[in-house]
């Protein structure tokens, strides 16, 4: 709608994850390094956490683009499905060509599958997204899968990707058996003020922008409103570009950003909190 007006080739601030627009700030570089290390180390469990909209899913999608083509990966979006459904989902993802009606039958066949993959030098990964939704019973089912191993070699690598709540769940005494197996973990922090400005500039450049569209004060206000959460930054910026287009404003200033805060129903108290946090020593 506003592409021609701002001389853009594509929409720069879509809220759905798009690896083509992925921006590597220091925090995301560190997180990606951890994921790559987890792939190479093959040491069982890895935990990646972050608030809603901090870019966890985008990182995982990027990782899948660069992972060894021989690796076999299953991504689970709803790990709280009934256990037998989980087993059959894994069977489908890994092309085991079987439908299971019992846990015992699945575990027997899954062990054969893992041993065969190991003999063929193929790595097996299960990536569990929205891991904060896991309950104790499902965590135990996942732990059972990790018990299938050789004396000196893990046969399966499991990545937990979720919001911070998963850390509290894993700290519960009932989940100690699985939390002790997590050897690598990283929490993605929101962007700071400077990173927010770089993030906005990067996405505009990828979209084909030939000039700066957002003023310095606009970027500062976007950070104050969003708290450095990339998904929220995208929502505010997209709103601002659309608003600027309808009002014939070639430059997005702080006034447009404040209007978008109202349009998007972002509480004023949220902005005050982020501004206060940014000025704390």
Protein backbone atom coordinates (compact mmCIF):
# COMPACT_ATOMS: atom_id res chain seq x y z
CA UNK A 1 0.00 0.00 0.00
CA UNK A 2 2.77 2.44 0.93
CA UNK A 3 5.63 0.78 -1.00
CA UNK A 4 5.74 3.20 -3.94
CA UNK A 5 5.30 6.20 -1.66
CA UNK A 6 8.46 5.36 0.28
CA UNK A 7 10.22 3.78 -2.73
CA UNK A 8 10.38 0.34 -1.15
CA UNK A 9 10.54 -3.01 -2.91
CA UNK A 10 8.93 -5.03 -0.11
CA UNK A 11 7.25 -4.50 3.24
CA UNK A 12 10.07 -4.10 5.78
CA UNK A 13 8.17 -4.67 9.01
CA UNK A 14 6.00 -7.74 8.66
CA UNK A 15 5.53 -9.39 12.04
CA UNK A 16 5.82 -12.96 10.75
CA UNK A 17 9.35 -14.44 10.98
CA UNK A 18 11.30 -13.87 7.75
CA UNK A 19 14.92 -15.13 7.61
CA UNK A 20 15.57 -12.72 4.73
CA UNK A 21 15.20 -9.80 7.13
CA UNK A 22 17.03 -11.41 10.04
CA UNK A 23 19.29 -8.92 11.75
CA UNK A 24 22.18 -10.18 13.85
CA UNK A 25 22.71 -7.97 16.85
CA UNK A 26 25.19 -9.13 19.46
CA UNK A 27 22.49 -10.96 21.41
CA UNK A 28 21.27 -12.85 18.36
CA UNK A 29 24.83 -13.66 17.26
CA UNK A 30 25.48 -15.18 20.68
CA UNK A 31 22.24 -17.17 20.53
CA UNK A 32 23.03 -18.44 17.03
CA UNK A 33 26.53 -19.41 18.12
CA UNK A 34 25.02 -21.44 20.94
CA UNK A 35 22.64 -23.21 18.56
CA UNK A 36 25.50 -24.01 16.16
CA UNK A 37 27.62 -25.27 19.04
CA UNK A 38 24.74 -27.44 20.21
CA UNK A 39 24.57 -28.99 16.75
CA UNK A 40 28.29 -29.72 16.69
CA UNK A 41 28.54 -30.92 20.29
CA UNK A 42 25.53 -33.25 20.09
CA UNK A 43 25.29 -33.36 23.85
CA UNK A 44 21.59 -33.93 24.40
CA UNK A 45 19.53 -30.96 25.56
CA UNK A 46 19.77 -27.25 24.78
CA UNK A 47 17.54 -24.44 26.08
CA UNK A 48 16.90 -21.15 24.27
CA UNK A 49 14.56 -18.68 25.97
CA UNK A 50 13.33 -15.15 25.37
CA UNK A 51 10.27 -12.98 25.77
CA UNK A 52 7.50 -13.00 23.16
CA UNK A 53 8.72 -11.41 19.92
CA UNK A 54 12.47 -11.43 20.66
CA UNK A 55 13.28 -13.48 17.53
CA UNK A 56 13.55 -17.08 18.75
CA UNK A 57 11.53 -18.54 15.88
CA UNK A 58 13.44 -16.49 13.28
CA UNK A 59 16.72 -17.85 14.64
CA UNK A 60 15.49 -21.43 14.47
CA UNK A 61 14.30 -20.97 10.89
CA UNK A 62 17.67 -19.50 9.95
CA UNK A 63 19.39 -22.41 11.66
CA UNK A 64 17.41 -24.88 9.56
CA UNK A 65 18.66 -23.15 6.43
CA UNK A 66 22.31 -23.65 7.33
CA UNK A 67 22.18 -27.02 9.11
CA UNK A 68 23.90 -30.03 7.52
CA UNK A 69 21.62 -31.41 4.82
CA UNK A 70 22.11 -34.93 6.19
CA UNK A 71 20.57 -33.98 9.54
CA UNK A 72 17.02 -35.12 10.26
CA UNK A 73 14.92 -32.53 12.09
CA UNK A 74 11.47 -32.62 13.62
CA UNK A 75 9.90 -29.36 14.81
CA UNK A 76 7.14 -29.76 17.39
CA UNK A 77 4.80 -26.80 17.78
CA UNK A 78 2.47 -28.43 20.31
CA UNK A 79 4.39 -30.81 22.54
CA UNK A 80 1.45 -31.04 24.94
CA UNK A 81 -0.47 -33.24 22.54
CA UNK A 82 -1.34 -36.71 23.90
CA UNK A 83 1.72 -38.94 24.15
CA UNK A 84 0.65 -41.38 21.44
CA UNK A 85 -0.05 -38.45 19.11
CA UNK A 86 3.43 -37.10 19.85
CA UNK A 87 4.98 -40.46 18.98
CA UNK A 88 3.06 -40.70 15.72
CA UNK A 89 3.94 -37.11 14.86
CA UNK A 90 7.63 -37.95 15.27
CA UNK A 91 7.13 -41.07 13.21
CA UNK A 92 5.67 -38.95 10.40
CA UNK A 93 8.35 -36.25 10.64
CA UNK A 94 11.18 -38.80 10.55
CA UNK A 95 9.46 -40.90 7.87
CA UNK A 96 9.46 -44.07 9.98
CA UNK A 97 6.48 -45.34 7.95
CA UNK A 98 4.63 -46.71 10.98
CA UNK A 99 1.55 -45.87 12.99
CA UNK A 100 1.82 -46.69 16.69
CA UNK A 101 -0.82 -47.58 19.23
CA UNK A 102 1.47 -48.15 22.23
CA UNK A 103 4.46 -46.42 23.79
CA UNK A 104 6.47 -49.66 23.97
CA UNK A 105 6.08 -50.34 20.25
CA UNK A 106 7.15 -46.79 19.40
CA UNK A 107 10.22 -46.83 21.67
CA UNK A 108 11.40 -50.15 20.20
CA UNK A 109 11.09 -48.86 16.64
CA UNK A 110 12.45 -45.43 17.50
CA UNK A 111 15.60 -46.98 18.97
CA UNK A 112 16.12 -48.96 15.77
CA UNK A 113 15.60 -45.74 13.79
CA UNK A 114 18.18 -43.84 15.87
CA UNK A 115 20.77 -46.62 15.64
CA UNK A 116 20.30 -46.82 11.89
CA UNK A 117 20.68 -43.06 11.55
CA UNK A 118 23.84 -43.19 13.67
CA UNK A 119 25.34 -45.92 11.50
CA UNK A 120 24.64 -43.73 8.47
CA UNK A 121 26.30 -40.71 10.17
CA UNK A 122 23.05 -38.74 10.31
CA UNK A 123 22.27 -36.39 13.18
CA UNK A 124 18.78 -36.39 14.70
CA UNK A 125 17.26 -33.22 16.16
CA UNK A 126 13.95 -32.53 17.83
CA UNK A 127 13.16 -28.82 18.19
CA UNK A 128 10.34 -28.11 20.63
CA UNK A 129 8.86 -24.65 20.09
CA UNK A 130 6.67 -22.94 22.70
CA UNK A 131 8.36 -25.16 25.28
CA UNK A 132 6.84 -23.14 28.14
CA UNK A 133 3.59 -25.01 27.46
CA UNK A 134 5.12 -28.35 28.45
CA UNK A 135 3.78 -30.09 31.53
CA UNK A 136 5.59 -32.59 33.75
CA UNK A 137 4.09 -35.64 32.06
CA UNK A 138 5.20 -34.54 28.59
CA UNK A 139 8.67 -33.61 29.83
CA UNK A 140 9.00 -37.15 31.14
CA UNK A 141 8.03 -38.56 27.75
CA UNK A 142 10.70 -36.42 26.13
CA UNK A 143 13.26 -37.50 28.72
CA UNK A 144 12.51 -41.12 27.84
CA UNK A 145 13.43 -40.40 24.24
CA UNK A 146 16.78 -38.97 25.35
CA UNK A 147 17.52 -42.16 27.30
CA UNK A 148 18.05 -43.99 24.03
CA UNK A 149 21.81 -43.67 23.62
CA UNK A 150 25.08 -45.54 23.22
CA UNK A 151 27.65 -45.70 26.00
CA UNK A 152 29.69 -42.84 24.56
CA UNK A 153 27.30 -41.12 22.19
CA UNK A 154 23.98 -39.28 22.32
CA UNK A 155 21.72 -40.48 19.54
CA UNK A 156 19.27 -37.60 19.67
CA UNK A 157 19.55 -33.88 20.34
CA UNK A 158 16.61 -31.97 21.78
CA UNK A 159 16.30 -28.16 21.69
CA UNK A 160 13.78 -26.44 23.95
CA UNK A 161 12.73 -23.06 22.51
CA UNK A 162 10.37 -21.02 24.65
CA UNK A 163 9.47 -18.09 26.83
CA UNK A 164 11.09 -17.51 30.20
CA UNK A 165 8.40 -19.54 31.98
CA UNK A 166 10.07 -22.77 30.84
CA UNK A 167 12.98 -22.00 33.17
CA UNK A 168 10.64 -21.99 36.18
CA UNK A 169 9.04 -25.22 35.00
CA UNK A 170 12.43 -26.92 34.71
CA UNK A 171 13.44 -25.69 38.17
CA UNK A 172 10.53 -27.55 39.74
CA UNK A 173 11.72 -30.48 41.82
CA UNK A 174 9.57 -32.89 39.82
CA UNK A 175 11.50 -31.98 36.65
CA UNK A 176 14.97 -32.21 38.12
CA UNK A 177 15.85 -35.32 36.12
CA UNK A 178 15.51 -33.48 32.82
CA UNK A 179 16.79 -30.06 33.94
CA UNK A 180 20.09 -31.64 35.00
CA UNK A 181 20.60 -32.85 31.45
CA UNK A 182 20.50 -29.37 29.91
CA UNK A 183 24.14 -28.51 29.26
CA UNK A 184 23.66 -25.39 27.12
CA UNK A 185 21.24 -22.51 27.68
CA UNK A 186 20.85 -18.92 26.54
CA UNK A 187 18.29 -16.18 27.18
CA UNK A 188 17.76 -13.61 24.39
CA UNK A 189 17.47 -10.12 25.83
CA UNK A 190 15.52 -7.34 24.06
CA UNK A 191 17.44 -4.84 21.91
CA UNK A 192 18.88 -1.71 23.48
CA UNK A 193 18.24 1.78 22.10
CA UNK A 194 21.15 1.79 19.65
CA UNK A 195 20.39 -1.73 18.46
CA UNK A 196 16.76 -0.72 17.90
CA UNK A 197 17.86 2.08 15.54
CA UNK A 198 20.22 -0.29 13.70
CA UNK A 199 17.47 -2.90 13.46
CA UNK A 200 15.05 -0.42 11.88
CA UNK A 201 17.69 0.83 9.43
CA UNK A 202 18.63 -2.73 8.47
CA UNK A 203 15.09 -3.79 7.64
CA UNK A 204 14.50 -0.63 5.61
CA UNK A 205 17.71 -1.25 3.66
CA UNK A 206 16.75 -4.86 2.89
CA UNK A 207 13.35 -3.59 1.71
CA UNK A 208 15.09 -1.26 -0.75
CA UNK A 209 14.98 2.10 1.07
CA UNK A 210 17.29 4.68 -0.50
CA UNK A 211 17.14 7.15 2.39
CA UNK A 212 16.48 7.41 6.10
CA UNK A 213 12.74 7.46 6.77
CA UNK A 214 12.62 7.47 10.58
CA UNK A 215 14.08 10.38 12.51
CA UNK A 216 16.46 9.82 15.43
CA UNK A 217 13.77 10.92 17.88
CA UNK A 218 11.27 8.54 16.25
CA UNK A 219 13.66 5.61 16.72
CA UNK A 220 14.23 6.64 20.32
CA UNK A 221 10.49 6.71 20.93
CA UNK A 222 10.02 3.35 19.22
CA UNK A 223 12.53 1.87 21.64
CA UNK A 224 10.80 3.48 24.60
CA UNK A 225 7.42 2.09 23.55
CA UNK A 226 8.56 -1.37 22.46
CA UNK A 227 11.18 -2.04 25.10
CA UNK A 228 13.39 -3.36 22.30
CA UNK A 229 11.10 -6.29 21.41
CA UNK A 230 11.58 -6.85 17.64
CA UNK A 231 8.01 -7.98 16.95
CA UNK A 232 6.59 -4.90 18.67
CA UNK A 233 9.10 -2.68 16.85
CA UNK A 234 7.78 -4.12 13.58
CA UNK A 235 4.17 -3.40 14.52
CA UNK A 236 4.95 0.20 15.46
CA UNK A 237 7.07 0.86 12.36
CA UNK A 238 4.52 -0.65 9.97
CA UNK A 239 1.78 1.44 11.58
CA UNK A 240 3.94 4.56 11.29
CA UNK A 241 4.67 4.00 7.59
CA UNK A 242 1.00 3.46 6.84
CA UNK A 243 0.02 6.51 8.88
CA UNK A 244 2.71 8.61 7.18
CA UNK A 245 1.45 7.50 3.79
CA UNK A 246 -2.18 8.44 4.54
CA UNK A 247 -1.05 11.85 5.88
CA UNK A 248 1.46 12.51 3.08
CA UNK A 249 4.44 12.50 5.44
CA UNK A 250 7.67 11.37 3.79
CA UNK A 251 9.52 11.34 7.12
CA UNK A 252 8.35 9.47 10.20
CA UNK A 253 8.78 11.59 13.31
CA UNK A 254 8.05 11.11 17.00
CA UNK A 255 4.52 12.49 16.64
CA UNK A 256 3.57 9.73 14.22
CA UNK A 257 5.05 7.14 16.58
CA UNK A 258 3.01 8.45 19.50
CA UNK A 259 -0.13 8.31 17.37
CA UNK A 260 0.66 4.69 16.52
CA UNK A 261 1.05 3.89 20.20
CA UNK A 262 -2.55 5.00 20.66
CA UNK A 263 -3.74 3.18 17.52
CA UNK A 264 -2.05 -0.05 18.63
CA UNK A 265 -3.40 0.36 22.19
CA UNK A 266 0.03 0.13 23.80
CA UNK A 267 -0.34 1.40 27.40
CA UNK A 268 1.39 4.70 28.17
CA UNK A 269 2.64 3.12 31.40
CA UNK A 270 4.65 0.65 29.33
CA UNK A 271 6.55 3.52 27.68
CA UNK A 272 7.25 5.17 31.02
CA UNK A 273 8.57 1.90 32.42
CA UNK A 274 10.94 1.37 29.50
CA UNK A 275 12.15 4.98 29.61
CA UNK A 276 12.85 4.64 33.32
CA UNK A 277 14.69 1.36 32.82
CA UNK A 278 16.84 2.90 30.05
CA UNK A 279 18.01 5.71 32.34
CA UNK A 280 18.79 3.52 35.38
CA UNK A 281 22.53 3.19 36.05
